Amino acid sequence: MTNKYMKRGIWFFLAGIGLIIFGYYLKGTELMKYGWAMIIGYLAFGAGFLYILYSLIRKIERRSLLEERAEEAEKLENEDPASKTE
């Protein structure tokens, strides 16, 4: 299951690749200035890569938090109830 950052990252990544290819096409045909398409393409590609990387880091961090909470809950369950009484 992908989260919103992964989806955005994939869309930016693919849009960036598309704009870069379009920029190279414009460069080859010399129809228009190709620079803007390539600049925006590289920026979108980079943003997509960062979004994907961020989503993976979030996923790893979430797993470690869930494991820590499970360990703490297990530790509290295994405590001796007699030691709680005062």
PDB file of N, CA and C in Angstrom:
ATOM      1  N   MET A   1       0.838  -1.180   0.000  1.00  0.00           N
ATOM      2  CA  MET A   1       0.000   0.000   0.000  1.00  0.00           C
ATOM      3  C   MET A   1       0.883   1.244   0.000  1.00  0.00           C
ATOM      4  N   THR A   2       0.573   2.177  -0.849  1.00  0.00           N
ATOM      5  CA  THR A   2       1.380   3.376  -0.947  1.00  0.00           C
ATOM      6  C   THR A   2       0.694   4.535  -0.229  1.00  0.00           C
ATOM      7  N   ASN A   3       1.506   5.386   0.358  1.00  0.00           N
ATOM      8  CA  ASN A   3       0.942   6.550   1.020  1.00  0.00           C
ATOM      9  C   ASN A   3       0.945   7.739   0.058  1.00  0.00           C
ATOM     10  N   LYS A   4       0.457   8.875   0.536  1.00  0.00           N
ATOM     11  CA  LYS A   4       0.304  10.020  -0.358  1.00  0.00           C
ATOM     12  C   LYS A   4       1.653  10.544  -0.861  1.00  0.00           C
ATOM     13  N   TYR A   5       2.701  10.398  -0.060  1.00  0.00           N
ATOM     14  CA  TYR A   5       4.009  10.874  -0.494  1.00  0.00           C
ATOM     15  C   TYR A   5       4.573  10.001  -1.612  1.00  0.00           C
ATOM     16  N   MET A   6       4.321   8.706  -1.518  1.00  0.00           N
ATOM     17  CA  MET A   6       4.776   7.806  -2.574  1.00  0.00           C
ATOM     18  C   MET A   6       4.037   8.098  -3.880  1.00  0.00           C
ATOM     19  N   LYS A   7       2.721   8.320  -3.786  1.00  0.00           N
ATOM     20  CA  LYS A   7       1.940   8.621  -4.992  1.00  0.00           C
ATOM     21  C   LYS A   7       2.404   9.922  -5.636  1.00  0.00           C
ATOM     22  N   ARG A   8       2.585  10.959  -4.814  1.00  0.00           N
ATOM     23  CA  ARG A   8       3.076  12.233  -5.355  1.00  0.00           C
ATOM     24  C   ARG A   8       4.457  12.067  -5.963  1.00  0.00           C
ATOM     25  N   GLY A   9       5.293  11.304  -5.283  1.00  0.00           N
ATOM     26  CA  GLY A   9       6.646  11.088  -5.783  1.00  0.00           C
ATOM     27  C   GLY A   9       6.662  10.407  -7.134  1.00  0.00           C
ATOM     28  N   ILE A  10       5.822   9.397  -7.278  1.00  0.00           N
ATOM     29  CA  ILE A  10       5.765   8.682  -8.558  1.00  0.00           C
ATOM     30  C   ILE A  10       5.260   9.613  -9.660  1.00  0.00           C
ATOM     31  N   TRP A  11       4.229  10.414  -9.345  1.00  0.00           N
ATOM     32  CA  TRP A  11       3.701  11.343 -10.358  1.00  0.00           C
ATOM     33  C   TRP A  11       4.734  12.394 -10.752  1.00  0.00           C
ATOM     34  N   PHE A  12       5.407  12.982  -9.779  1.00  0.00           N
ATOM     35  CA  PHE A  12       6.445  13.969 -10.094  1.00  0.00           C
ATOM     36  C   PHE A  12       7.587  13.324 -10.875  1.00  0.00           C
ATOM     37  N   PHE A  13       7.970  12.123 -10.467  1.00  0.00           N
ATOM     38  CA  PHE A  13       9.047  11.393 -11.129  1.00  0.00           C
ATOM     39  C   PHE A  13       8.715  11.157 -12.601  1.00  0.00           C
ATOM     40  N   LEU A  14       7.498  10.656 -12.855  1.00  0.00           N
ATOM     41  CA  LEU A  14       7.096  10.374 -14.242  1.00  0.00           C
ATOM     42  C   LEU A  14       6.909  11.663 -15.044  1.00  0.00           C
ATOM     43  N   ALA A  15       6.348  12.702 -14.423  1.00  0.00           N
ATOM     44  CA  ALA A  15       6.185  13.982 -15.119  1.00  0.00           C
ATOM     45  C   ALA A  15       7.551  14.565 -15.465  1.00  0.00           C
ATOM     46  N   GLY A  16       8.490  14.438 -14.545  1.00  0.00           N
ATOM     47  CA  GLY A  16       9.844  14.922 -14.816  1.00  0.00           C
ATOM     48  C   GLY A  16      10.489  14.208 -15.985  1.00  0.00           C
ATOM     49  N   ILE A  17      10.361  12.897 -16.010  1.00  0.00           N
ATOM     50  CA  ILE A  17      10.928  12.136 -17.133  1.00  0.00           C
ATOM     51  C   ILE A  17      10.264  12.543 -18.435  1.00  0.00           C
ATOM     52  N   GLY A  18       8.928  12.712 -18.400  1.00  0.00           N
ATOM     53  CA  GLY A  18       8.211  13.129 -19.610  1.00  0.00           C
ATOM     54  C   GLY A  18       8.654  14.494 -20.103  1.00  0.00           C
ATOM     55  N   LEU A  19       8.825  15.448 -19.185  1.00  0.00           N
ATOM     56  CA  LEU A  19       9.265  16.787 -19.585  1.00  0.00           C
ATOM     57  C   LEU A  19      10.700  16.791 -20.100  1.00  0.00           C
ATOM     58  N   ILE A  20      11.536  15.964 -19.513  1.00  0.00           N
ATOM     59  CA  ILE A  20      12.926  15.876 -19.993  1.00  0.00           C
ATOM     60  C   ILE A  20      12.954  15.307 -21.410  1.00  0.00           C
ATOM     61  N   ILE A  21      12.178  14.264 -21.643  1.00  0.00           N
ATOM     62  CA  ILE A  21      12.110  13.681 -22.992  1.00  0.00           C
ATOM     63  C   ILE A  21      11.553  14.704 -23.979  1.00  0.00           C
ATOM     64  N   PHE A  22      10.505  15.437 -23.543  1.00  0.00           N
ATOM     65  CA  PHE A  22       9.934  16.483 -24.393  1.00  0.00           C
ATOM     66  C   PHE A  22      10.979  17.568 -24.682  1.00  0.00           C
ATOM     67  N   GLY A  23      11.774  17.928 -23.687  1.00  0.00           N
ATOM     68  CA  GLY A  23      12.837  18.913 -23.886  1.00  0.00           C
ATOM     69  C   GLY A  23      13.870  18.447 -24.900  1.00  0.00           C
ATOM     70  N   TYR A  24      14.257  17.169 -24.810  1.00  0.00           N
ATOM     71  CA  TYR A  24      15.209  16.638 -25.790  1.00  0.00           C
ATOM     72  C   TYR A  24      14.596  16.598 -27.191  1.00  0.00           C
ATOM     73  N   TYR A  25      13.292  16.319 -27.261  1.00  0.00           N
ATOM     74  CA  TYR A  25      12.606  16.338 -28.554  1.00  0.00           C
ATOM     75  C   TYR A  25      12.644  17.746 -29.145  1.00  0.00           C
ATOM     76  N   LEU A  26      12.324  18.748 -28.324  1.00  0.00           N
ATOM     77  CA  LEU A  26      12.360  20.130 -28.804  1.00  0.00           C
ATOM     78  C   LEU A  26      13.769  20.549 -29.204  1.00  0.00           C
ATOM     79  N   LYS A  27      14.753  20.062 -28.478  1.00  0.00           N
ATOM     80  CA  LYS A  27      16.145  20.381 -28.804  1.00  0.00           C
ATOM     81  C   LYS A  27      16.516  19.808 -30.162  1.00  0.00           C
ATOM     82  N   GLY A  28      16.053  18.598 -30.438  1.00  0.00           N
ATOM     83  CA  GLY A  28      16.386  17.951 -31.710  1.00  0.00           C
ATOM     84  C   GLY A  28      15.693  18.592 -32.895  1.00  0.00           C
ATOM     85  N   THR A  29      14.460  19.022 -32.721  1.00  0.00           N
ATOM     86  CA  THR A  29      13.714  19.594 -33.839  1.00  0.00           C
ATOM     87  C   THR A  29      13.910  21.102 -33.976  1.00  0.00           C
ATOM     88  N   GLU A  30      14.419  21.717 -32.929  1.00  0.00           N
ATOM     89  CA  GLU A  30      14.659  23.162 -32.901  1.00  0.00           C
ATOM     90  C   GLU A  30      13.385  23.959 -33.196  1.00  0.00           C
ATOM     91  N   LEU A  31      12.244  23.458 -32.713  1.00  0.00           N
ATOM     92  CA  LEU A  31      10.977  24.161 -32.904  1.00  0.00           C
ATOM     93  C   LEU A  31      10.832  25.327 -31.930  1.00  0.00           C
ATOM     94  N   MET A  32      11.139  25.070 -30.696  1.00  0.00           N
ATOM     95  CA  MET A  32      10.979  26.077 -29.647  1.00  0.00           C
ATOM     96  C   MET A  32      12.191  26.019 -28.732  1.00  0.00           C
ATOM     97  N   LYS A  33      12.176  26.914 -27.764  1.00  0.00           N
ATOM     98  CA  LYS A  33      13.219  26.841 -26.743  1.00  0.00           C
ATOM     99  C   LYS A  33      12.934  25.640 -25.858  1.00  0.00           C
ATOM    100  N   TYR A  34      13.908  24.801 -25.722  1.00  0.00           N
ATOM    101  CA  TYR A  34      13.739  23.560 -24.982  1.00  0.00           C
ATOM    102  C   TYR A  34      14.166  23.676 -23.527  1.00  0.00           C
ATOM    103  N   GLY A  35      14.851  24.743 -23.176  1.00  0.00           N
ATOM    104  CA  GLY A  35      15.438  24.879 -21.845  1.00  0.00           C
ATOM    105  C   GLY A  35      14.431  24.829 -20.716  1.00  0.00           C
ATOM    106  N   TRP A  36      13.313  25.514 -20.872  1.00  0.00           N
ATOM    107  CA  TRP A  36      12.322  25.560 -19.796  1.00  0.00           C
ATOM    108  C   TRP A  36      11.721  24.183 -19.527  1.00  0.00           C
ATOM    109  N   ALA A  37      11.453  23.447 -20.576  1.00  0.00           N
ATOM    110  CA  ALA A  37      10.895  22.103 -20.384  1.00  0.00           C
ATOM    111  C   ALA A  37      11.888  21.208 -19.651  1.00  0.00           C
ATOM    112  N   MET A  38      13.160  21.349 -19.980  1.00  0.00           N
ATOM    113  CA  MET A  38      14.160  20.507 -19.328  1.00  0.00           C
ATOM    114  C   MET A  38      14.395  20.934 -17.881  1.00  0.00           C
ATOM    115  N   ILE A  39      14.399  22.232 -17.625  1.00  0.00           N
ATOM    116  CA  ILE A  39      14.596  22.708 -16.254  1.00  0.00           C
ATOM    117  C   ILE A  39      13.453  22.241 -15.364  1.00  0.00           C
ATOM    118  N   ILE A  40      12.229  22.439 -15.820  1.00  0.00           N
ATOM    119  CA  ILE A  40      11.069  22.005 -15.039  1.00  0.00           C
ATOM    120  C   ILE A  40      11.061  20.482 -14.899  1.00  0.00           C
ATOM    121  N   GLY A  41      11.473  19.794 -15.947  1.00  0.00           N
ATOM    122  CA  GLY A  41      11.547  18.330 -15.903  1.00  0.00           C
ATOM    123  C   GLY A  41      12.537  17.835 -14.866  1.00  0.00           C
ATOM    124  N   TYR A  42      13.721  18.440 -14.830  1.00  0.00           N
ATOM    125  CA  TYR A  42      14.719  18.020 -13.851  1.00  0.00           C
ATOM    126  C   TYR A  42      14.284  18.361 -12.434  1.00  0.00           C
ATOM    127  N   LEU A  43      13.627  19.495 -12.242  1.00  0.00           N
ATOM    128  CA  LEU A  43      13.123  19.850 -10.914  1.00  0.00           C
ATOM    129  C   LEU A  43      12.020  18.887 -10.464  1.00  0.00           C
ATOM    130  N   ALA A  44      11.114  18.538 -11.373  1.00  0.00           N
ATOM    131  CA  ALA A  44      10.050  17.591 -11.046  1.00  0.00           C
ATOM    132  C   ALA A  44      10.634  16.205 -10.765  1.00  0.00           C
ATOM    133  N   PHE A  45      11.611  15.805 -11.543  1.00  0.00           N
ATOM    134  CA  PHE A  45      12.281  14.521 -11.326  1.00  0.00           C
ATOM    135  C   PHE A  45      12.922  14.483  -9.941  1.00  0.00           C
ATOM    136  N   GLY A  46      13.630  15.554  -9.592  1.00  0.00           N
ATOM    137  CA  GLY A  46      14.270  15.624  -8.277  1.00  0.00           C
ATOM    138  C   GLY A  46      13.264  15.630  -7.144  1.00  0.00           C
ATOM    139  N   ALA A  47      12.178  16.387  -7.305  1.00  0.00           N
ATOM    140  CA  ALA A  47      11.143  16.427  -6.277  1.00  0.00           C
ATOM    141  C   ALA A  47      10.499  15.049  -6.124  1.00  0.00           C
ATOM    142  N   GLY A  48      10.261  14.381  -7.226  1.00  0.00           N
ATOM    143  CA  GLY A  48       9.689  13.038  -7.168  1.00  0.00           C
ATOM    144  C   GLY A  48      10.600  12.066  -6.447  1.00  0.00           C
ATOM    145  N   PHE A  49      11.873  12.143  -6.734  1.00  0.00           N
ATOM    146  CA  PHE A  49      12.847  11.279  -6.060  1.00  0.00           C
ATOM    147  C   PHE A  49      12.849  11.550  -4.561  1.00  0.00           C
ATOM    148  N   LEU A  50      12.817  12.829  -4.168  1.00  0.00           N
ATOM    149  CA  LEU A  50      12.818  13.166  -2.748  1.00  0.00           C
ATOM    150  C   LEU A  50      11.530  12.719  -2.060  1.00  0.00           C
ATOM    151  N   TYR A  51      10.387  12.860  -2.733  1.00  0.00           N
ATOM    152  CA  TYR A  51       9.125  12.385  -2.159  1.00  0.00           C
ATOM    153  C   TYR A  51       9.162  10.873  -1.940  1.00  0.00           C
ATOM    154  N   ILE A  52       9.673  10.141  -2.911  1.00  0.00           N
ATOM    155  CA  ILE A  52       9.750   8.685  -2.780  1.00  0.00           C
ATOM    156  C   ILE A  52      10.684   8.307  -1.637  1.00  0.00           C
ATOM    157  N   LEU A  53      11.822   8.959  -1.556  1.00  0.00           N
ATOM    158  CA  LEU A  53      12.769   8.698  -0.476  1.00  0.00           C
ATOM    159  C   LEU A  53      12.145   9.017   0.878  1.00  0.00           C
ATOM    160  N   TYR A  54      11.436  10.130   0.974  1.00  0.00           N
ATOM    161  CA  TYR A  54      10.783  10.519   2.217  1.00  0.00           C
ATOM    162  C   TYR A  54       9.716   9.513   2.628  1.00  0.00           C
ATOM    163  N   SER A  55       8.962   9.001   1.670  1.00  0.00           N
ATOM    164  CA  SER A  55       7.927   8.024   2.015  1.00  0.00           C
ATOM    165  C   SER A  55       8.551   6.738   2.538  1.00  0.00           C
ATOM    166  N   LEU A  56       9.690   6.338   1.994  1.00  0.00           N
ATOM    167  CA  LEU A  56      10.359   5.132   2.483  1.00  0.00           C
ATOM    168  C   LEU A  56      10.906   5.340   3.889  1.00  0.00           C
ATOM    169  N   ILE A  57      11.444   6.529   4.152  1.00  0.00           N
ATOM    170  CA  ILE A  57      11.950   6.831   5.492  1.00  0.00           C
ATOM    171  C   ILE A  57      10.804   6.840   6.494  1.00  0.00           C
ATOM    172  N   ARG A  58       9.674   7.417   6.113  1.00  0.00           N
ATOM    173  CA  ARG A  58       8.495   7.439   7.000  1.00  0.00           C
ATOM    174  C   ARG A  58       8.022   6.023   7.310  1.00  0.00           C
ATOM    175  N   LYS A  59       8.038   5.164   6.307  1.00  0.00           N
ATOM    176  CA  LYS A  59       7.584   3.790   6.496  1.00  0.00           C
ATOM    177  C   LYS A  59       8.497   3.056   7.486  1.00  0.00           C
ATOM    178  N   ILE A  60       9.799   3.233   7.351  1.00  0.00           N
ATOM    179  CA  ILE A  60      10.748   2.580   8.257  1.00  0.00           C
ATOM    180  C   ILE A  60      10.587   3.133   9.670  1.00  0.00           C
ATOM    181  N   GLU A  61      10.436   4.442   9.798  1.00  0.00           N
ATOM    182  CA  GLU A  61      10.267   5.067  11.105  1.00  0.00           C
ATOM    183  C   GLU A  61       8.976   4.591  11.775  1.00  0.00           C
ATOM    184  N   ARG A  62       7.919   4.455  11.016  1.00  0.00           N
ATOM    185  CA  ARG A  62       6.643   4.004  11.576  1.00  0.00           C
ATOM    186  C   ARG A  62       6.759   2.580  12.097  1.00  0.00           C
ATOM    187  N   ARG A  63       7.431   1.737  11.348  1.00  0.00           N
ATOM    188  CA  ARG A  63       7.611   0.353  11.795  1.00  0.00           C
ATOM    189  C   ARG A  63       8.387   0.294  13.102  1.00  0.00           C
ATOM    190  N   SER A  64       9.446   1.080  13.205  1.00  0.00           N
ATOM    191  CA  SER A  64      10.237   1.051  14.433  1.00  0.00           C
ATOM    192  C   SER A  64       9.438   1.589  15.617  1.00  0.00           C
ATOM    193  N   LEU A  65       8.610   2.610  15.410  1.00  0.00           N
ATOM    194  CA  LEU A  65       7.762   3.116  16.486  1.00  0.00           C
ATOM    195  C   LEU A  65       6.752   2.066  16.938  1.00  0.00           C
ATOM    196  N   LEU A  66       6.142   1.377  15.987  1.00  0.00           N
ATOM    197  CA  LEU A  66       5.181   0.338  16.335  1.00  0.00           C
ATOM    198  C   LEU A  66       5.847  -0.804  17.102  1.00  0.00           C
ATOM    199  N   GLU A  67       7.066  -1.162  16.717  1.00  0.00           N
ATOM    200  CA  GLU A  67       7.784  -2.212  17.435  1.00  0.00           C
ATOM    201  C   GLU A  67       8.108  -1.772  18.860  1.00  0.00           C
ATOM    202  N   GLU A  68       8.535  -0.534  19.032  1.00  0.00           N
ATOM    203  CA  GLU A  68       8.833  -0.025  20.367  1.00  0.00           C
ATOM    204  C   GLU A  68       7.587  -0.030  21.242  1.00  0.00           C
ATOM    205  N   ARG A  69       6.467   0.423  20.701  1.00  0.00           N
ATOM    206  CA  ARG A  69       5.223   0.454  21.475  1.00  0.00           C
ATOM    207  C   ARG A  69       4.770  -0.952  21.845  1.00  0.00           C
ATOM    208  N   ALA A  70       4.939  -1.902  20.935  1.00  0.00           N
ATOM    209  CA  ALA A  70       4.564  -3.283  21.219  1.00  0.00           C
ATOM    210  C   ALA A  70       5.431  -3.853  22.335  1.00  0.00           C
ATOM    211  N   GLU A  71       6.726  -3.551  22.307  1.00  0.00           N
ATOM    212  CA  GLU A  71       7.628  -4.016  23.363  1.00  0.00           C
ATOM    213  C   GLU A  71       7.251  -3.407  24.711  1.00  0.00           C
ATOM    214  N   GLU A  72       6.929  -2.125  24.726  1.00  0.00           N
ATOM    215  CA  GLU A  72       6.538  -1.471  25.973  1.00  0.00           C
ATOM    216  C   GLU A  72       5.232  -2.045  26.512  1.00  0.00           C
ATOM    217  N   ALA A  73       4.270  -2.294  25.628  1.00  0.00           N
ATOM    218  CA  ALA A  73       3.000  -2.876  26.054  1.00  0.00           C
ATOM    219  C   ALA A  73       3.206  -4.278  26.605  1.00  0.00           C
ATOM    220  N   GLU A  74       4.074  -5.044  25.962  1.00  0.00           N
ATOM    221  CA  GLU A  74       4.356  -6.395  26.434  1.00  0.00           C
ATOM    222  C   GLU A  74       5.043  -6.356  27.789  1.00  0.00           C
ATOM    223  N   LYS A  75       5.937  -5.405  27.957  1.00  0.00           N
ATOM    224  CA  LYS A  75       6.637  -5.264  29.224  1.00  0.00           C
ATOM    225  C   LYS A  75       5.656  -4.903  30.347  1.00  0.00           C
ATOM    226  N   LEU A  76       4.702  -4.032  30.057  1.00  0.00           N
ATOM    227  CA  LEU A  76       3.702  -3.657  31.062  1.00  0.00           C
ATOM    228  C   LEU A  76       2.763  -4.814  31.391  1.00  0.00           C
ATOM    229  N   GLU A  77       2.421  -5.631  30.403  1.00  0.00           N
ATOM    230  CA  GLU A  77       1.568  -6.790  30.643  1.00  0.00           C
ATOM    231  C   GLU A  77       2.259  -7.834  31.492  1.00  0.00           C
ATOM    232  N   ASN A  78       3.549  -7.980  31.314  1.00  0.00           N
ATOM    233  CA  ASN A  78       4.305  -9.011  32.027  1.00  0.00           C
ATOM    234  C   ASN A  78       4.729  -8.575  33.423  1.00  0.00           C
ATOM    235  N   GLU A  79       4.470  -7.347  33.802  1.00  0.00           N
ATOM    236  CA  GLU A  79       4.806  -6.888  35.141  1.00  0.00           C
ATOM    237  C   GLU A  79       3.984  -7.641  36.166  1.00  0.00           C
ATOM    238  N   ASP A  80       4.550  -7.846  37.306  1.00  0.00           N
ATOM    239  CA  ASP A  80       3.854  -8.546  38.383  1.00  0.00           C
ATOM    240  C   ASP A  80       2.787  -7.638  38.968  1.00  0.00           C
ATOM    241  N   PRO A  81       1.515  -8.052  38.935  1.00  0.00           N
ATOM    242  CA  PRO A  81       0.445  -7.200  39.472  1.00  0.00           C
ATOM    243  C   PRO A  81       0.577  -6.978  40.974  1.00  0.00           C
ATOM    244  N   ALA A  82       1.225  -7.897  41.694  1.00  0.00           N
ATOM    245  CA  ALA A  82       1.373  -7.744  43.139  1.00  0.00           C
ATOM    246  C   ALA A  82       2.315  -6.580  43.459  1.00  0.00           C
ATOM    247  N   SER A  83       3.233  -6.282  42.571  1.00  0.00           N
ATOM    248  CA  SER A  83       4.173  -5.186  42.845  1.00  0.00           C
ATOM    249  C   SER A  83       3.517  -3.833  42.666  1.00  0.00           C
ATOM    250  N   LYS A  84       2.357  -3.790  42.016  1.00  0.00           N
ATOM    251  CA  LYS A  84       1.657  -2.526  41.802  1.00  0.00           C
ATOM    252  C   LYS A  84       0.892  -2.078  43.048  1.00  0.00           C
ATOM    253  N   THR A  85       0.499  -3.014  43.896  1.00  0.00           N
ATOM    254  CA  THR A  85      -0.290  -2.647  45.075  1.00  0.00           C
ATOM    255  C   THR A  85       0.608  -1.983  46.102  1.00  0.00           C
ATOM    256  N   GLU A  86       0.068  -1.006  46.745  1.00  0.00           N
ATOM    257  CA  GLU A  86       0.865  -0.257  47.735  1.00  0.00           C
ATOM    258  C   GLU A  86       0.383  -0.504  49.117  1.00  0.00           C
TER     259      GLU A  86
END
